[in-house]
Amino acid sequence: MVLYLNSKTAIVNKKNKQLAVAPFTKNGTTLVPLRFISEELGKEVLWNANNKSITIK
């Protein structure tokens, strides 16, 4: 998997995939789209709106 800063295109298994949000750097920290990465690794991502938490199975 390859992600590029400020690009909504990732490469997964030599295929282009579109991201909802591009990775970016803020205050020296790089932020990446957690849902995309988790799902591409075969994990299930659950969002709990009540307590604003994410569970990755």
PDB file of N, CA and C in Angstrom:
ATOM      1  N   MET A   1       0.846  -1.165   0.000  1.00  0.00           N
ATOM      2  CA  MET A   1       0.000   0.000   0.000  1.00  0.00           C
ATOM      3  C   MET A   1       0.894   1.233   0.000  1.00  0.00           C
ATOM      4  N   VAL A   2       0.587   2.173  -0.891  1.00  0.00           N
ATOM      5  CA  VAL A   2       1.342   3.423  -0.963  1.00  0.00           C
ATOM      6  C   VAL A   2       0.347   4.567  -0.939  1.00  0.00           C
ATOM      7  N   LEU A   3       0.550   5.501  -0.022  1.00  0.00           N
ATOM      8  CA  LEU A   3      -0.254   6.712   0.047  1.00  0.00           C
ATOM      9  C   LEU A   3       0.690   7.896  -0.107  1.00  0.00           C
ATOM     10  N   TYR A   4       0.204   8.927  -0.752  1.00  0.00           N
ATOM     11  CA  TYR A   4       1.006  10.130  -0.970  1.00  0.00           C
ATOM     12  C   TYR A   4       0.347  11.303  -0.264  1.00  0.00           C
ATOM     13  N   LEU A   5       1.166  12.137   0.360  1.00  0.00           N
ATOM     14  CA  LEU A   5       0.638  13.333   1.004  1.00  0.00           C
ATOM     15  C   LEU A   5      -0.130  14.181   0.003  1.00  0.00           C
ATOM     16  N   ASN A   6      -1.268  14.682   0.431  1.00  0.00           N
ATOM     17  CA  ASN A   6      -2.110  15.600  -0.341  1.00  0.00           C
ATOM     18  C   ASN A   6      -2.633  15.003  -1.641  1.00  0.00           C
ATOM     19  N   SER A   7      -2.695  13.675  -1.728  1.00  0.00           N
ATOM     20  CA  SER A   7      -3.232  13.012  -2.919  1.00  0.00           C
ATOM     21  C   SER A   7      -4.360  12.073  -2.514  1.00  0.00           C
ATOM     22  N   LYS A   8      -5.463  12.116  -3.251  1.00  0.00           N
ATOM     23  CA  LYS A   8      -6.597  11.234  -2.986  1.00  0.00           C
ATOM     24  C   LYS A   8      -6.481   9.908  -3.739  1.00  0.00           C
ATOM     25  N   THR A   9      -5.314   9.635  -4.304  1.00  0.00           N
ATOM     26  CA  THR A   9      -5.079   8.364  -4.987  1.00  0.00           C
ATOM     27  C   THR A   9      -4.034   7.572  -4.219  1.00  0.00           C
ATOM     28  N   ALA A  10      -4.371   6.321  -3.902  1.00  0.00           N
ATOM     29  CA  ALA A  10      -3.439   5.406  -3.243  1.00  0.00           C
ATOM     30  C   ALA A  10      -3.178   4.248  -4.198  1.00  0.00           C
ATOM     31  N   ILE A  11      -2.102   3.528  -3.962  1.00  0.00           N
ATOM     32  CA  ILE A  11      -1.807   2.332  -4.743  1.00  0.00           C
ATOM     33  C   ILE A  11      -1.865   1.145  -3.788  1.00  0.00           C
ATOM     34  N   VAL A  12      -2.736   0.187  -4.127  1.00  0.00           N
ATOM     35  CA  VAL A  12      -2.890  -1.024  -3.318  1.00  0.00           C
ATOM     36  C   VAL A  12      -2.760  -2.216  -4.258  1.00  0.00           C
ATOM     37  N   ASN A  13      -1.774  -3.063  -3.998  1.00  0.00           N
ATOM     38  CA  ASN A  13      -1.519  -4.218  -4.865  1.00  0.00           C
ATOM     39  C   ASN A  13      -1.407  -3.814  -6.342  1.00  0.00           C
ATOM     40  N   LYS A  14      -0.655  -2.748  -6.576  1.00  0.00           N
ATOM     41  CA  LYS A  14      -0.373  -2.230  -7.919  1.00  0.00           C
ATOM     42  C   LYS A  14      -1.600  -1.665  -8.644  1.00  0.00           C
ATOM     43  N   LYS A  15      -2.681  -1.379  -7.891  1.00  0.00           N
ATOM     44  CA  LYS A  15      -3.881  -0.791  -8.488  1.00  0.00           C
ATOM     45  C   LYS A  15      -4.177   0.544  -7.812  1.00  0.00           C
ATOM     46  N   ASN A  16      -4.617   1.520  -8.605  1.00  0.00           N
ATOM     47  CA  ASN A  16      -5.008   2.810  -8.051  1.00  0.00           C
ATOM     48  C   ASN A  16      -6.341   2.689  -7.329  1.00  0.00           C
ATOM     49  N   LYS A  17      -6.428   3.304  -6.155  1.00  0.00           N
ATOM     50  CA  LYS A  17      -7.659   3.355  -5.364  1.00  0.00           C
ATOM     51  C   LYS A  17      -7.889   4.806  -4.966  1.00  0.00           C
ATOM     52  N   GLN A  18      -9.143   5.204  -4.932  1.00  0.00           N
ATOM     53  CA  GLN A  18      -9.476   6.571  -4.566  1.00  0.00           C
ATOM     54  C   GLN A  18      -9.767   6.681  -3.073  1.00  0.00           C
ATOM     55  N   LEU A  19      -9.248   7.726  -2.462  1.00  0.00           N
ATOM     56  CA  LEU A  19      -9.465   8.014  -1.050  1.00  0.00           C
ATOM     57  C   LEU A  19     -10.527   9.096  -0.916  1.00  0.00           C
ATOM     58  N   ALA A  20     -11.301   9.042   0.153  1.00  0.00           N
ATOM     59  CA  ALA A  20     -12.263  10.108   0.438  1.00  0.00           C
ATOM     60  C   ALA A  20     -11.519  11.368   0.888  1.00  0.00           C
ATOM     61  N   VAL A  21     -10.402  11.155   1.586  1.00  0.00           N
ATOM     62  CA  VAL A  21      -9.606  12.260   2.135  1.00  0.00           C
ATOM     63  C   VAL A  21      -8.135  11.955   1.896  1.00  0.00           C
ATOM     64  N   ALA A  22      -7.389  12.932   1.462  1.00  0.00           N
ATOM     65  CA  ALA A  22      -5.955  12.750   1.219  1.00  0.00           C
ATOM     66  C   ALA A  22      -5.173  12.805   2.532  1.00  0.00           C
ATOM     67  N   PRO A  23      -4.111  12.006   2.657  1.00  0.00           N
ATOM     68  CA  PRO A  23      -3.217  12.130   3.813  1.00  0.00           C
ATOM     69  C   PRO A  23      -2.590  13.532   3.824  1.00  0.00           C
ATOM     70  N   PHE A  24      -2.351  14.059   5.018  1.00  0.00           N
ATOM     71  CA  PHE A  24      -1.731  15.383   5.108  1.00  0.00           C
ATOM     72  C   PHE A  24      -0.924  15.484   6.394  1.00  0.00           C
ATOM     73  N   THR A  25      -0.091  16.497   6.453  1.00  0.00           N
ATOM     74  CA  THR A  25       0.727  16.746   7.636  1.00  0.00           C
ATOM     75  C   THR A  25       0.222  17.995   8.335  1.00  0.00           C
ATOM     76  N   LYS A  26       0.094  17.892   9.663  1.00  0.00           N
ATOM     77  CA  LYS A  26      -0.342  19.034  10.478  1.00  0.00           C
ATOM     78  C   LYS A  26       0.539  19.085  11.720  1.00  0.00           C
ATOM     79  N   ASN A  27       1.161  20.199  11.941  1.00  0.00           N
ATOM     80  CA  ASN A  27       2.028  20.396  13.104  1.00  0.00           C
ATOM     81  C   ASN A  27       3.066  19.284  13.250  1.00  0.00           C
ATOM     82  N   GLY A  28       3.635  18.844  12.133  1.00  0.00           N
ATOM     83  CA  GLY A  28       4.691  17.844  12.161  1.00  0.00           C
ATOM     84  C   GLY A  28       4.209  16.404  12.279  1.00  0.00           C
ATOM     85  N   THR A  29       2.883  16.194  12.269  1.00  0.00           N
ATOM     86  CA  THR A  29       2.322  14.845  12.359  1.00  0.00           C
ATOM     87  C   THR A  29       1.586  14.523  11.065  1.00  0.00           C
ATOM     88  N   THR A  30       1.833  13.350  10.507  1.00  0.00           N
ATOM     89  CA  THR A  30       1.142  12.934   9.296  1.00  0.00           C
ATOM     90  C   THR A  30      -0.131  12.189   9.674  1.00  0.00           C
ATOM     91  N   LEU A  31      -1.254  12.641   9.107  1.00  0.00           N
ATOM     92  CA  LEU A  31      -2.557  12.013   9.351  1.00  0.00           C
ATOM     93  C   LEU A  31      -2.983  11.274   8.099  1.00  0.00           C
ATOM     94  N   VAL A  32      -3.462  10.043   8.283  1.00  0.00           N
ATOM     95  CA  VAL A  32      -3.869   9.190   7.166  1.00  0.00           C
ATOM     96  C   VAL A  32      -5.311   8.742   7.377  1.00  0.00           C
ATOM     97  N   PRO A  33      -6.008   8.367   6.300  1.00  0.00           N
ATOM     98  CA  PRO A  33      -7.400   7.922   6.431  1.00  0.00           C
ATOM     99  C   PRO A  33      -7.474   6.514   7.050  1.00  0.00           C
ATOM    100  N   LEU A  34      -7.819   6.468   8.314  1.00  0.00           N
ATOM    101  CA  LEU A  34      -7.832   5.221   9.078  1.00  0.00           C
ATOM    102  C   LEU A  34      -8.801   4.200   8.500  1.00  0.00           C
ATOM    103  N   ARG A  35      -9.995   4.615   8.114  1.00  0.00           N
ATOM    104  CA  ARG A  35     -10.970   3.673   7.568  1.00  0.00           C
ATOM    105  C   ARG A  35     -10.424   3.001   6.306  1.00  0.00           C
ATOM    106  N   PHE A  36      -9.865   3.786   5.400  1.00  0.00           N
ATOM    107  CA  PHE A  36      -9.339   3.231   4.155  1.00  0.00           C
ATOM    108  C   PHE A  36      -8.264   2.183   4.439  1.00  0.00           C
ATOM    109  N   ILE A  37      -7.298   2.543   5.250  1.00  0.00           N
ATOM    110  CA  ILE A  37      -6.200   1.625   5.545  1.00  0.00           C
ATOM    111  C   ILE A  37      -6.721   0.364   6.223  1.00  0.00           C
ATOM    112  N   SER A  38      -7.580   0.517   7.205  1.00  0.00           N
ATOM    113  CA  SER A  38      -8.120  -0.633   7.930  1.00  0.00           C
ATOM    114  C   SER A  38      -8.887  -1.560   7.001  1.00  0.00           C
ATOM    115  N   GLU A  39      -9.776  -1.004   6.182  1.00  0.00           N
ATOM    116  CA  GLU A  39     -10.576  -1.832   5.285  1.00  0.00           C
ATOM    117  C   GLU A  39      -9.721  -2.512   4.220  1.00  0.00           C
ATOM    118  N   GLU A  40      -8.702  -1.840   3.726  1.00  0.00           N
ATOM    119  CA  GLU A  40      -7.807  -2.464   2.747  1.00  0.00           C
ATOM    120  C   GLU A  40      -7.008  -3.605   3.367  1.00  0.00           C
ATOM    121  N   LEU A  41      -6.833  -3.574   4.677  1.00  0.00           N
ATOM    122  CA  LEU A  41      -6.143  -4.655   5.384  1.00  0.00           C
ATOM    123  C   LEU A  41      -7.126  -5.740   5.836  1.00  0.00           C
ATOM    124  N   GLY A  42      -8.383  -5.631   5.385  1.00  0.00           N
ATOM    125  CA  GLY A  42      -9.374  -6.659   5.663  1.00  0.00           C
ATOM    126  C   GLY A  42     -10.095  -6.529   6.990  1.00  0.00           C
ATOM    127  N   LYS A  43     -10.016  -5.382   7.607  1.00  0.00           N
ATOM    128  CA  LYS A  43     -10.668  -5.169   8.898  1.00  0.00           C
ATOM    129  C   LYS A  43     -12.031  -4.505   8.711  1.00  0.00           C
ATOM    130  N   GLU A  44     -12.905  -4.716   9.693  1.00  0.00           N
ATOM    131  CA  GLU A  44     -14.212  -4.059   9.712  1.00  0.00           C
ATOM    132  C   GLU A  44     -14.100  -2.827  10.598  1.00  0.00           C
ATOM    133  N   VAL A  45     -14.628  -1.702  10.127  1.00  0.00           N
ATOM    134  CA  VAL A  45     -14.561  -0.453  10.878  1.00  0.00           C
ATOM    135  C   VAL A  45     -15.975  -0.051  11.273  1.00  0.00           C
ATOM    136  N   LEU A  46     -16.178   0.142  12.572  1.00  0.00           N
ATOM    137  CA  LEU A  46     -17.489   0.518  13.092  1.00  0.00           C
ATOM    138  C   LEU A  46     -17.404   1.887  13.750  1.00  0.00           C
ATOM    139  N   TRP A  47     -18.373   2.743  13.449  1.00  0.00           N
ATOM    140  CA  TRP A  47     -18.436   4.082  14.026  1.00  0.00           C
ATOM    141  C   TRP A  47     -19.598   4.130  14.999  1.00  0.00           C
ATOM    142  N   ASN A  48     -19.357   4.559  16.233  1.00  0.00           N
ATOM    143  CA  ASN A  48     -20.390   4.737  17.232  1.00  0.00           C
ATOM    144  C   ASN A  48     -20.622   6.231  17.402  1.00  0.00           C
ATOM    145  N   ALA A  49     -21.727   6.717  16.846  1.00  0.00           N
ATOM    146  CA  ALA A  49     -22.015   8.156  16.874  1.00  0.00           C
ATOM    147  C   ALA A  49     -22.328   8.653  18.282  1.00  0.00           C
ATOM    148  N   ASN A  50     -22.893   7.772  19.133  1.00  0.00           N
ATOM    149  CA  ASN A  50     -23.269   8.195  20.476  1.00  0.00           C
ATOM    150  C   ASN A  50     -22.068   8.652  21.301  1.00  0.00           C
ATOM    151  N   ASN A  51     -20.986   7.882  21.256  1.00  0.00           N
ATOM    152  CA  ASN A  51     -19.813   8.281  22.037  1.00  0.00           C
ATOM    153  C   ASN A  51     -18.633   8.684  21.162  1.00  0.00           C
ATOM    154  N   LYS A  52     -18.915   8.831  19.853  1.00  0.00           N
ATOM    155  CA  LYS A  52     -17.903   9.273  18.893  1.00  0.00           C
ATOM    156  C   LYS A  52     -16.630   8.438  18.969  1.00  0.00           C
ATOM    157  N   SER A  53     -16.816   7.111  18.888  1.00  0.00           N
ATOM    158  CA  SER A  53     -15.668   6.206  18.953  1.00  0.00           C
ATOM    159  C   SER A  53     -15.649   5.299  17.716  1.00  0.00           C
ATOM    160  N   ILE A  54     -14.463   4.780  17.428  1.00  0.00           N
ATOM    161  CA  ILE A  54     -14.255   3.874  16.303  1.00  0.00           C
ATOM    162  C   ILE A  54     -13.784   2.545  16.864  1.00  0.00           C
ATOM    163  N   THR A  55     -14.361   1.460  16.330  1.00  0.00           N
ATOM    164  CA  THR A  55     -13.908   0.118  16.664  1.00  0.00           C
ATOM    165  C   THR A  55     -13.440  -0.548  15.381  1.00  0.00           C
ATOM    166  N   ILE A  56     -12.257  -1.140  15.432  1.00  0.00           N
ATOM    167  CA  ILE A  56     -11.715  -1.850  14.275  1.00  0.00           C
ATOM    168  C   ILE A  56     -11.618  -3.325  14.661  1.00  0.00           C
ATOM    169  N   LYS A  57     -12.321  -4.170  13.887  1.00  0.00           N
ATOM    170  CA  LYS A  57     -12.323  -5.618  14.175  1.00  0.00           C
ATOM    171  C   LYS A  57     -11.501  -6.343  13.141  1.00  0.00           C
TER     172      LYS A  57
END
